[in-house]
């Protein structure tokens, strides 16, 4: 059911035009996101016994939170050196490993 819905969305988005605009990037982004989610789900179905996928959890919040934690451990530097980043990253990873 979802696969046919995604395919119909892609068809509509391919034909979509915005008046007065030559290059509409958000439409390309939607098409890319729908295609990627479809391909990811196909791969997950083929390689696991999963019956569903939480698409709301597919975002970069986890990565942003990790880097925020690393910045906190490194003294809130915007551009830490490679050595400072490595040390802060290790501290965060060790703290996560020993967390109950």
PDB file of N, CA and C in Angstrom:
ATOM      1  N   UNK A   1       0.834  -1.204   0.000  1.00  0.00           N
ATOM      2  CA  UNK A   1       0.000   0.000   0.000  1.00  0.00           C
ATOM      3  C   UNK A   1       0.870   1.256   0.000  1.00  0.00           C
ATOM      4  N   UNK A   2       1.896   1.268   0.841  1.00  0.00           N
ATOM      5  CA  UNK A   2       2.758   2.444   0.909  1.00  0.00           C
ATOM      6  C   UNK A   2       3.607   2.592  -0.346  1.00  0.00           C
ATOM      7  N   UNK A   3       4.014   1.466  -0.897  1.00  0.00           N
ATOM      8  CA  UNK A   3       4.857   1.531  -2.086  1.00  0.00           C
ATOM      9  C   UNK A   3       4.118   2.214  -3.236  1.00  0.00           C
ATOM     10  N   UNK A   4       2.873   1.853  -3.439  1.00  0.00           N
ATOM     11  CA  UNK A   4       2.108   2.490  -4.517  1.00  0.00           C
ATOM     12  C   UNK A   4       1.855   3.962  -4.216  1.00  0.00           C
ATOM     13  N   UNK A   5       1.653   4.290  -2.942  1.00  0.00           N
ATOM     14  CA  UNK A   5       1.468   5.692  -2.568  1.00  0.00           C
ATOM     15  C   UNK A   5       2.737   6.494  -2.857  1.00  0.00           C
ATOM     16  N   UNK A   6       3.890   5.953  -2.471  1.00  0.00           N
ATOM     17  CA  UNK A   6       5.163   6.633  -2.738  1.00  0.00           C
ATOM     18  C   UNK A   6       5.380   6.806  -4.240  1.00  0.00           C
ATOM     19  N   UNK A   7       5.063   5.774  -5.011  1.00  0.00           N
ATOM     20  CA  UNK A   7       5.234   5.861  -6.468  1.00  0.00           C
ATOM     21  C   UNK A   7       4.326   6.933  -7.060  1.00  0.00           C
ATOM     22  N   UNK A   8       3.089   7.021  -6.556  1.00  0.00           N
ATOM     23  CA  UNK A   8       2.184   8.064  -7.074  1.00  0.00           C
ATOM     24  C   UNK A   8       2.664   9.449  -6.657  1.00  0.00           C
ATOM     25  N   UNK A   9       3.218   9.574  -5.466  1.00  0.00           N
ATOM     26  CA  UNK A   9       3.782  10.860  -5.030  1.00  0.00           C
ATOM     27  C   UNK A   9       4.928  11.271  -5.935  1.00  0.00           C
ATOM     28  N   UNK A  10       5.803  10.330  -6.266  1.00  0.00           N
ATOM     29  CA  UNK A  10       6.933  10.642  -7.146  1.00  0.00           C
ATOM     30  C   UNK A  10       6.452  11.072  -8.524  1.00  0.00           C
ATOM     31  N   UNK A  11       5.398  10.433  -9.022  1.00  0.00           N
ATOM     32  CA  UNK A  11       4.844  10.809 -10.318  1.00  0.00           C
ATOM     33  C   UNK A  11       4.307  12.232 -10.288  1.00  0.00           C
ATOM     34  N   UNK A  12       3.585  12.554  -9.233  1.00  0.00           N
ATOM     35  CA  UNK A  12       3.035  13.906  -9.098  1.00  0.00           C
ATOM     36  C   UNK A  12       4.155  14.930  -8.964  1.00  0.00           C
ATOM     37  N   UNK A  13       5.164  14.616  -8.155  1.00  0.00           N
ATOM     38  CA  UNK A  13       6.253  15.568  -7.939  1.00  0.00           C
ATOM     39  C   UNK A  13       7.093  15.790  -9.195  1.00  0.00           C
ATOM     40  N   UNK A  14       7.195  14.774 -10.045  1.00  0.00           N
ATOM     41  CA  UNK A  14       7.938  14.942 -11.294  1.00  0.00           C
ATOM     42  C   UNK A  14       7.242  15.922 -12.224  1.00  0.00           C
ATOM     43  N   UNK A  15       5.924  15.954 -12.154  1.00  0.00           N
ATOM     44  CA  UNK A  15       5.135  16.837 -13.033  1.00  0.00           C
ATOM     45  C   UNK A  15       4.824  18.187 -12.398  1.00  0.00           C
ATOM     46  N   UNK A  16       5.143  18.339 -11.129  1.00  0.00           N
ATOM     47  CA  UNK A  16       4.795  19.556 -10.409  1.00  0.00           C
ATOM     48  C   UNK A  16       5.599  20.746 -10.905  1.00  0.00           C
ATOM     49  N   UNK A  17       4.914  21.849 -11.144  1.00  0.00           N
ATOM     50  CA  UNK A  17       5.591  23.095 -11.505  1.00  0.00           C
ATOM     51  C   UNK A  17       5.106  24.190 -10.565  1.00  0.00           C
ATOM     52  N   UNK A  18       5.998  25.064 -10.230  1.00  0.00           N
ATOM     53  CA  UNK A  18       5.670  26.200  -9.381  1.00  0.00           C
ATOM     54  C   UNK A  18       5.741  27.435 -10.265  1.00  0.00           C
ATOM     55  N   UNK A  19       4.659  28.171 -10.310  1.00  0.00           N
ATOM     56  CA  UNK A  19       4.590  29.339 -11.187  1.00  0.00           C
ATOM     57  C   UNK A  19       5.684  30.342 -10.856  1.00  0.00           C
ATOM     58  N   UNK A  20       6.381  30.778 -11.882  1.00  0.00           N
ATOM     59  CA  UNK A  20       7.418  31.788 -11.722  1.00  0.00           C
ATOM     60  C   UNK A  20       8.738  31.262 -11.188  1.00  0.00           C
ATOM     61  N   UNK A  21       8.863  29.953 -11.015  1.00  0.00           N
ATOM     62  CA  UNK A  21      10.107  29.391 -10.476  1.00  0.00           C
ATOM     63  C   UNK A  21      10.708  28.427 -11.496  1.00  0.00           C
ATOM     64  N   UNK A  22      12.003  28.550 -11.724  1.00  0.00           N
ATOM     65  CA  UNK A  22      12.685  27.660 -12.662  1.00  0.00           C
ATOM     66  C   UNK A  22      13.226  26.417 -11.963  1.00  0.00           C
ATOM     67  N   UNK A  23      13.838  26.618 -10.809  1.00  0.00           N
ATOM     68  CA  UNK A  23      14.484  25.528 -10.103  1.00  0.00           C
ATOM     69  C   UNK A  23      13.924  25.474  -8.676  1.00  0.00           C
ATOM     70  N   UNK A  24      13.095  24.490  -8.413  1.00  0.00           N
ATOM     71  CA  UNK A  24      12.449  24.380  -7.107  1.00  0.00           C
ATOM     72  C   UNK A  24      13.140  23.258  -6.333  1.00  0.00           C
ATOM     73  N   UNK A  25      14.050  23.639  -5.438  1.00  0.00           N
ATOM     74  CA  UNK A  25      14.885  22.651  -4.739  1.00  0.00           C
ATOM     75  C   UNK A  25      14.098  21.794  -3.760  1.00  0.00           C
ATOM     76  N   UNK A  26      13.051  22.350  -3.113  1.00  0.00           N
ATOM     77  CA  UNK A  26      12.338  21.551  -2.131  1.00  0.00           C
ATOM     78  C   UNK A  26      11.631  20.371  -2.785  1.00  0.00           C
ATOM     79  N   UNK A  27      11.200  20.510  -4.037  1.00  0.00           N
ATOM     80  CA  UNK A  27      10.564  19.389  -4.743  1.00  0.00           C
ATOM     81  C   UNK A  27      11.603  18.303  -5.016  1.00  0.00           C
ATOM     82  N   UNK A  28      12.790  18.703  -5.420  1.00  0.00           N
ATOM     83  CA  UNK A  28      13.871  17.723  -5.620  1.00  0.00           C
ATOM     84  C   UNK A  28      14.190  17.010  -4.304  1.00  0.00           C
ATOM     85  N   UNK A  29      14.172  17.768  -3.192  1.00  0.00           N
ATOM     86  CA  UNK A  29      14.423  17.182  -1.883  1.00  0.00           C
ATOM     87  C   UNK A  29      13.365  16.165  -1.496  1.00  0.00           C
ATOM     88  N   UNK A  30      12.111  16.489  -1.759  1.00  0.00           N
ATOM     89  CA  UNK A  30      11.027  15.541  -1.473  1.00  0.00           C
ATOM     90  C   UNK A  30      11.187  14.272  -2.299  1.00  0.00           C
ATOM     91  N   UNK A  31      11.487  14.448  -3.587  1.00  0.00           N
ATOM     92  CA  UNK A  31      11.666  13.284  -4.455  1.00  0.00           C
ATOM     93  C   UNK A  31      12.820  12.413  -3.969  1.00  0.00           C
ATOM     94  N   UNK A  32      13.906  13.047  -3.586  1.00  0.00           N
ATOM     95  CA  UNK A  32      15.065  12.309  -3.087  1.00  0.00           C
ATOM     96  C   UNK A  32      14.723  11.571  -1.792  1.00  0.00           C
ATOM     97  N   UNK A  33      14.041  12.253  -0.884  1.00  0.00           N
ATOM     98  CA  UNK A  33      13.681  11.635   0.399  1.00  0.00           C
ATOM     99  C   UNK A  33      12.752  10.438   0.195  1.00  0.00           C
ATOM    100  N   UNK A  34      11.750  10.590  -0.658  1.00  0.00           N
ATOM    101  CA  UNK A  34      10.818   9.487  -0.914  1.00  0.00           C
ATOM    102  C   UNK A  34      11.552   8.312  -1.552  1.00  0.00           C
ATOM    103  N   UNK A  35      12.413   8.586  -2.510  1.00  0.00           N
ATOM    104  CA  UNK A  35      13.177   7.513  -3.159  1.00  0.00           C
ATOM    105  C   UNK A  35      14.086   6.794  -2.163  1.00  0.00           C
ATOM    106  N   UNK A  36      14.759   7.570  -1.320  1.00  0.00           N
ATOM    107  CA  UNK A  36      15.681   6.973  -0.338  1.00  0.00           C
ATOM    108  C   UNK A  36      14.936   6.114   0.676  1.00  0.00           C
ATOM    109  N   UNK A  37      13.811   6.599   1.155  1.00  0.00           N
ATOM    110  CA  UNK A  37      13.040   5.823   2.127  1.00  0.00           C
ATOM    111  C   UNK A  37      12.535   4.534   1.493  1.00  0.00           C
ATOM    112  N   UNK A  38      12.077   4.616   0.253  1.00  0.00           N
ATOM    113  CA  UNK A  38      11.612   3.413  -0.448  1.00  0.00           C
ATOM    114  C   UNK A  38      12.738   2.396  -0.610  1.00  0.00           C
ATOM    115  N   UNK A  39      13.907   2.872  -1.025  1.00  0.00           N
ATOM    116  CA  UNK A  39      15.045   1.970  -1.208  1.00  0.00           C
ATOM    117  C   UNK A  39      15.525   1.393   0.119  1.00  0.00           C
ATOM    118  N   UNK A  40      15.538   2.231   1.164  1.00  0.00           N
ATOM    119  CA  UNK A  40      15.945   1.743   2.486  1.00  0.00           C
ATOM    120  C   UNK A  40      14.994   0.662   2.981  1.00  0.00           C
ATOM    121  N   UNK A  41      13.688   0.892   2.820  1.00  0.00           N
ATOM    122  CA  UNK A  41      12.704  -0.098   3.257  1.00  0.00           C
ATOM    123  C   UNK A  41      12.861  -1.395   2.470  1.00  0.00           C
ATOM    124  N   UNK A  42      13.095  -1.295   1.180  1.00  0.00           N
ATOM    125  CA  UNK A  42      13.301  -2.494   0.363  1.00  0.00           C
ATOM    126  C   UNK A  42      14.507  -3.285   0.864  1.00  0.00           C
ATOM    127  N   UNK A  43      15.585  -2.588   1.171  1.00  0.00           N
ATOM    128  CA  UNK A  43      16.794  -3.253   1.686  1.00  0.00           C
ATOM    129  C   UNK A  43      16.515  -3.901   3.047  1.00  0.00           C
ATOM    130  N   UNK A  44      15.828  -3.184   3.926  1.00  0.00           N
ATOM    131  CA  UNK A  44      15.525  -3.726   5.257  1.00  0.00           C
ATOM    132  C   UNK A  44      14.649  -4.966   5.142  1.00  0.00           C
ATOM    133  N   UNK A  45      13.641  -4.908   4.277  1.00  0.00           N
ATOM    134  CA  UNK A  45      12.755  -6.070   4.095  1.00  0.00           C
ATOM    135  C   UNK A  45      13.509  -7.288   3.587  1.00  0.00           C
ATOM    136  N   UNK A  46      14.433  -7.057   2.666  1.00  0.00           N
ATOM    137  CA  UNK A  46      15.176  -8.176   2.078  1.00  0.00           C
ATOM    138  C   UNK A  46      16.212  -8.768   3.026  1.00  0.00           C
ATOM    139  N   UNK A  47      16.759  -7.958   3.924  1.00  0.00           N
ATOM    140  CA  UNK A  47      17.855  -8.436   4.758  1.00  0.00           C
ATOM    141  C   UNK A  47      17.447  -8.769   6.192  1.00  0.00           C
ATOM    142  N   UNK A  48      16.222  -8.439   6.599  1.00  0.00           N
ATOM    143  CA  UNK A  48      15.756  -8.747   7.955  1.00  0.00           C
ATOM    144  C   UNK A  48      14.325  -9.250   7.898  1.00  0.00           C
ATOM    145  N   UNK A  49      13.800  -9.570   9.068  1.00  0.00           N
ATOM    146  CA  UNK A  49      12.389  -9.971   9.128  1.00  0.00           C
ATOM    147  C   UNK A  49      11.505  -8.827   9.644  1.00  0.00           C
ATOM    148  N   UNK A  50      11.946  -7.597   9.454  1.00  0.00           N
ATOM    149  CA  UNK A  50      11.190  -6.421   9.912  1.00  0.00           C
ATOM    150  C   UNK A  50       9.868  -6.317   9.155  1.00  0.00           C
ATOM    151  N   UNK A  51       8.852  -5.874   9.885  1.00  0.00           N
ATOM    152  CA  UNK A  51       7.531  -5.701   9.268  1.00  0.00           C
ATOM    153  C   UNK A  51       7.155  -4.240   9.125  1.00  0.00           C
ATOM    154  N   UNK A  52       7.929  -3.346   9.751  1.00  0.00           N
ATOM    155  CA  UNK A  52       7.639  -1.919   9.678  1.00  0.00           C
ATOM    156  C   UNK A  52       8.907  -1.127   9.927  1.00  0.00           C
ATOM    157  N   UNK A  53       8.840   0.176   9.635  1.00  0.00           N
ATOM    158  CA  UNK A  53       9.983   1.059   9.814  1.00  0.00           C
ATOM    159  C   UNK A  53       9.462   2.391  10.347  1.00  0.00           C
ATOM    160  N   UNK A  54      10.070   2.876  11.419  1.00  0.00           N
ATOM    161  CA  UNK A  54       9.697   4.165  11.984  1.00  0.00           C
ATOM    162  C   UNK A  54      10.418   5.271  11.225  1.00  0.00           C
ATOM    163  N   UNK A  55       9.775   5.840  10.228  1.00  0.00           N
ATOM    164  CA  UNK A  55      10.423   6.878   9.435  1.00  0.00           C
ATOM    165  C   UNK A  55      10.635   8.154  10.239  1.00  0.00           C
ATOM    166  N   UNK A  56       9.863   8.337  11.300  1.00  0.00           N
ATOM    167  CA  UNK A  56      10.039   9.542  12.122  1.00  0.00           C
ATOM    168  C   UNK A  56      11.379   9.541  12.846  1.00  0.00           C
ATOM    169  N   UNK A  57      11.980   8.367  12.960  1.00  0.00           N
ATOM    170  CA  UNK A  57      13.271   8.267  13.656  1.00  0.00           C
ATOM    171  C   UNK A  57      14.459   8.381  12.724  1.00  0.00           C
ATOM    172  N   UNK A  58      14.196   8.536  11.441  1.00  0.00           N
ATOM    173  CA  UNK A  58      15.280   8.667  10.468  1.00  0.00           C
ATOM    174  C   UNK A  58      15.560  10.151  10.294  1.00  0.00           C
ATOM    175  N   UNK A  59      16.441  10.661  11.110  1.00  0.00           N
ATOM    176  CA  UNK A  59      16.808  12.075  11.022  1.00  0.00           C
ATOM    177  C   UNK A  59      18.198  12.247  11.608  1.00  0.00           C
ATOM    178  N   UNK A  60      18.677  13.461  11.637  1.00  0.00           N
ATOM    179  CA  UNK A  60      20.035  13.697  12.098  1.00  0.00           C
ATOM    180  C   UNK A  60      20.092  14.182  13.537  1.00  0.00           C
ATOM    181  N   UNK A  61      18.978  14.109  14.266  1.00  0.00           N
ATOM    182  CA  UNK A  61      18.970  14.566  15.650  1.00  0.00           C
ATOM    183  C   UNK A  61      19.998  13.834  16.513  1.00  0.00           C
ATOM    184  N   UNK A  62      20.134  12.538  16.303  1.00  0.00           N
ATOM    185  CA  UNK A  62      21.079  11.749  17.094  1.00  0.00           C
ATOM    186  C   UNK A  62      22.505  12.229  16.866  1.00  0.00           C
ATOM    187  N   UNK A  63      22.841  12.499  15.627  1.00  0.00           N
ATOM    188  CA  UNK A  63      24.189  12.972  15.296  1.00  0.00           C
ATOM    189  C   UNK A  63      24.420  14.358  15.898  1.00  0.00           C
ATOM    190  N   UNK A  64      23.409  15.235  15.781  1.00  0.00           N
ATOM    191  CA  UNK A  64      23.529  16.573  16.355  1.00  0.00           C
ATOM    192  C   UNK A  64      23.694  16.502  17.875  1.00  0.00           C
ATOM    193  N   UNK A  65      22.945  15.611  18.519  1.00  0.00           N
ATOM    194  CA  UNK A  65      23.069  15.452  19.974  1.00  0.00           C
ATOM    195  C   UNK A  65      24.453  14.947  20.358  1.00  0.00           C
ATOM    196  N   UNK A  66      25.000  14.006  19.570  1.00  0.00           N
ATOM    197  CA  UNK A  66      26.339  13.498  19.841  1.00  0.00           C
ATOM    198  C   UNK A  66      27.364  14.619  19.760  1.00  0.00           C
ATOM    199  N   UNK A  67      27.316  15.416  18.694  1.00  0.00           N
ATOM    200  CA  UNK A  67      28.291  16.497  18.551  1.00  0.00           C
ATOM    201  C   UNK A  67      28.093  17.578  19.609  1.00  0.00           C
ATOM    202  N   UNK A  68      26.856  17.792  20.038  1.00  0.00           N
ATOM    203  CA  UNK A  68      26.604  18.743  21.121  1.00  0.00           C
ATOM    204  C   UNK A  68      27.257  18.251  22.409  1.00  0.00           C
ATOM    205  N   UNK A  69      27.123  16.959  22.685  1.00  0.00           N
ATOM    206  CA  UNK A  69      27.749  16.377  23.876  1.00  0.00           C
ATOM    207  C   UNK A  69      29.264  16.471  23.785  1.00  0.00           C
ATOM    208  N   UNK A  70      29.812  16.210  22.613  1.00  0.00           N
ATOM    209  CA  UNK A  70      31.264  16.307  22.430  1.00  0.00           C
ATOM    210  C   UNK A  70      31.738  17.737  22.642  1.00  0.00           C
ATOM    211  N   UNK A  71      30.972  18.714  22.136  1.00  0.00           N
ATOM    212  CA  UNK A  71      31.336  20.125  22.349  1.00  0.00           C
ATOM    213  C   UNK A  71      31.311  20.464  23.834  1.00  0.00           C
ATOM    214  N   UNK A  72      30.309  19.955  24.547  1.00  0.00           N
ATOM    215  CA  UNK A  72      30.224  20.212  25.999  1.00  0.00           C
ATOM    216  C   UNK A  72      31.447  19.652  26.719  1.00  0.00           C
ATOM    217  N   UNK A  73      31.825  18.430  26.360  1.00  0.00           N
ATOM    218  CA  UNK A  73      32.988  17.796  26.996  1.00  0.00           C
ATOM    219  C   UNK A  73      34.282  18.517  26.641  1.00  0.00           C
ATOM    220  N   UNK A  74      34.316  19.146  25.467  1.00  0.00           N
ATOM    221  CA  UNK A  74      35.529  19.813  25.013  1.00  0.00           C
ATOM    222  C   UNK A  74      35.582  21.287  25.346  1.00  0.00           C
ATOM    223  N   UNK A  75      34.727  21.759  26.230  1.00  0.00           N
ATOM    224  CA  UNK A  75      34.778  23.155  26.639  1.00  0.00           C
ATOM    225  C   UNK A  75      34.040  24.100  25.704  1.00  0.00           C
ATOM    226  N   UNK A  76      33.038  23.585  24.996  1.00  0.00           N
ATOM    227  CA  UNK A  76      32.183  24.390  24.113  1.00  0.00           C
ATOM    228  C   UNK A  76      32.952  25.095  22.994  1.00  0.00           C
ATOM    229  N   UNK A  77      34.034  24.500  22.529  1.00  0.00           N
ATOM    230  CA  UNK A  77      34.774  25.093  21.415  1.00  0.00           C
ATOM    231  C   UNK A  77      34.027  24.802  20.117  1.00  0.00           C
ATOM    232  N   UNK A  78      33.882  25.810  19.277  1.00  0.00           N
ATOM    233  CA  UNK A  78      33.216  25.625  17.983  1.00  0.00           C
ATOM    234  C   UNK A  78      34.078  24.815  17.026  1.00  0.00           C
ATOM    235  N   UNK A  79      35.378  25.025  17.077  1.00  0.00           N
ATOM    236  CA  UNK A  79      36.301  24.333  16.175  1.00  0.00           C
ATOM    237  C   UNK A  79      37.423  23.681  16.974  1.00  0.00           C
ATOM    238  N   UNK A  80      37.133  22.540  17.592  1.00  0.00           N
ATOM    239  CA  UNK A  80      38.204  21.885  18.347  1.00  0.00           C
ATOM    240  C   UNK A  80      39.238  21.289  17.402  1.00  0.00           C
ATOM    241  N   UNK A  81      40.451  21.147  17.910  1.00  0.00           N
ATOM    242  CA  UNK A  81      41.483  20.488  17.110  1.00  0.00           C
ATOM    243  C   UNK A  81      41.143  19.000  17.029  1.00  0.00           C
ATOM    244  N   UNK A  82      41.824  18.298  16.168  1.00  0.00           N
ATOM    245  CA  UNK A  82      41.580  16.858  16.010  1.00  0.00           C
ATOM    246  C   UNK A  82      41.848  16.123  17.322  1.00  0.00           C
ATOM    247  N   UNK A  83      42.897  16.534  18.024  1.00  0.00           N
ATOM    248  CA  UNK A  83      43.236  15.889  19.291  1.00  0.00           C
ATOM    249  C   UNK A  83      42.158  16.159  20.338  1.00  0.00           C
ATOM    250  N   UNK A  84      41.687  17.402  20.427  1.00  0.00           N
ATOM    251  CA  UNK A  84      40.632  17.750  21.385  1.00  0.00           C
ATOM    252  C   UNK A  84      39.340  16.982  21.077  1.00  0.00           C
ATOM    253  N   UNK A  85      39.008  16.896  19.792  1.00  0.00           N
ATOM    254  CA  UNK A  85      37.806  16.163  19.394  1.00  0.00           C
ATOM    255  C   UNK A  85      37.924  14.689  19.760  1.00  0.00           C
ATOM    256  N   UNK A  86      39.073  14.094  19.453  1.00  0.00           N
ATOM    257  CA  UNK A  86      39.287  12.679  19.746  1.00  0.00           C
ATOM    258  C   UNK A  86      39.160  12.406  21.243  1.00  0.00           C
ATOM    259  N   UNK A  87      39.749  13.255  22.064  1.00  0.00           N
ATOM    260  CA  UNK A  87      39.667  13.070  23.521  1.00  0.00           C
ATOM    261  C   UNK A  87      38.227  13.200  24.014  1.00  0.00           C
ATOM    262  N   UNK A  88      37.516  14.220  23.536  1.00  0.00           N
ATOM    263  CA  UNK A  88      36.125  14.416  23.945  1.00  0.00           C
ATOM    264  C   UNK A  88      35.255  13.257  23.459  1.00  0.00           C
ATOM    265  N   UNK A  89      35.502  12.785  22.234  1.00  0.00           N
ATOM    266  CA  UNK A  89      34.745  11.659  21.686  1.00  0.00           C
ATOM    267  C   UNK A  89      34.953  10.411  22.530  1.00  0.00           C
ATOM    268  N   UNK A  90      36.194  10.157  22.917  1.00  0.00           N
ATOM    269  CA  UNK A  90      36.489   8.996  23.768  1.00  0.00           C
ATOM    270  C   UNK A  90      35.776   9.097  25.110  1.00  0.00           C
ATOM    271  N   UNK A  91      35.799  10.295  25.697  1.00  0.00           N
ATOM    272  CA  UNK A  91      35.125  10.474  26.991  1.00  0.00           C
ATOM    273  C   UNK A  91      33.628  10.191  26.870  1.00  0.00           C
ATOM    274  N   UNK A  92      33.012  10.665  25.795  1.00  0.00           N
ATOM    275  CA  UNK A  92      31.579  10.443  25.588  1.00  0.00           C
ATOM    276  C   UNK A  92      31.305   8.948  25.381  1.00  0.00           C
ATOM    277  N   UNK A  93      32.100   8.275  24.583  1.00  0.00           N
ATOM    278  CA  UNK A  93      31.893   6.858  24.314  1.00  0.00           C
ATOM    279  C   UNK A  93      32.076   6.013  25.572  1.00  0.00           C
ATOM    280  N   UNK A  94      33.099   6.307  26.351  1.00  0.00           N
ATOM    281  CA  UNK A  94      33.321   5.570  27.597  1.00  0.00           C
ATOM    282  C   UNK A  94      32.159   5.812  28.560  1.00  0.00           C
ATOM    283  N   UNK A  95      31.691   7.051  28.665  1.00  0.00           N
ATOM    284  CA  UNK A  95      30.563   7.355  29.543  1.00  0.00           C
ATOM    285  C   UNK A  95      29.311   6.581  29.092  1.00  0.00           C
ATOM    286  N   UNK A  96      29.100   6.434  27.798  1.00  0.00           N
ATOM    287  CA  UNK A  96      27.938   5.695  27.299  1.00  0.00           C
ATOM    288  C   UNK A  96      28.080   4.209  27.570  1.00  0.00           C
ATOM    289  N   UNK A  97      29.307   3.686  27.510  1.00  0.00           N
ATOM    290  CA  UNK A  97      29.521   2.259  27.756  1.00  0.00           C
ATOM    291  C   UNK A  97      29.263   1.880  29.205  1.00  0.00           C
ATOM    292  N   UNK A  98      29.613   2.750  30.132  1.00  0.00           N
ATOM    293  CA  UNK A  98      29.447   2.404  31.547  1.00  0.00           C
ATOM    294  C   UNK A  98      28.142   2.904  32.137  1.00  0.00           C
ATOM    295  N   UNK A  99      27.311   3.550  31.309  1.00  0.00           N
ATOM    296  CA  UNK A  99      26.008   4.027  31.791  1.00  0.00           C
ATOM    297  C   UNK A  99      25.112   2.837  32.095  1.00  0.00           C
ATOM    298  N   UNK A 100      24.439   2.848  33.259  1.00  0.00           N
ATOM    299  CA  UNK A 100      23.572   1.690  33.593  1.00  0.00           C
ATOM    300  C   UNK A 100      22.377   1.560  32.676  1.00  0.00           C
TER     301      UNK A 100
END
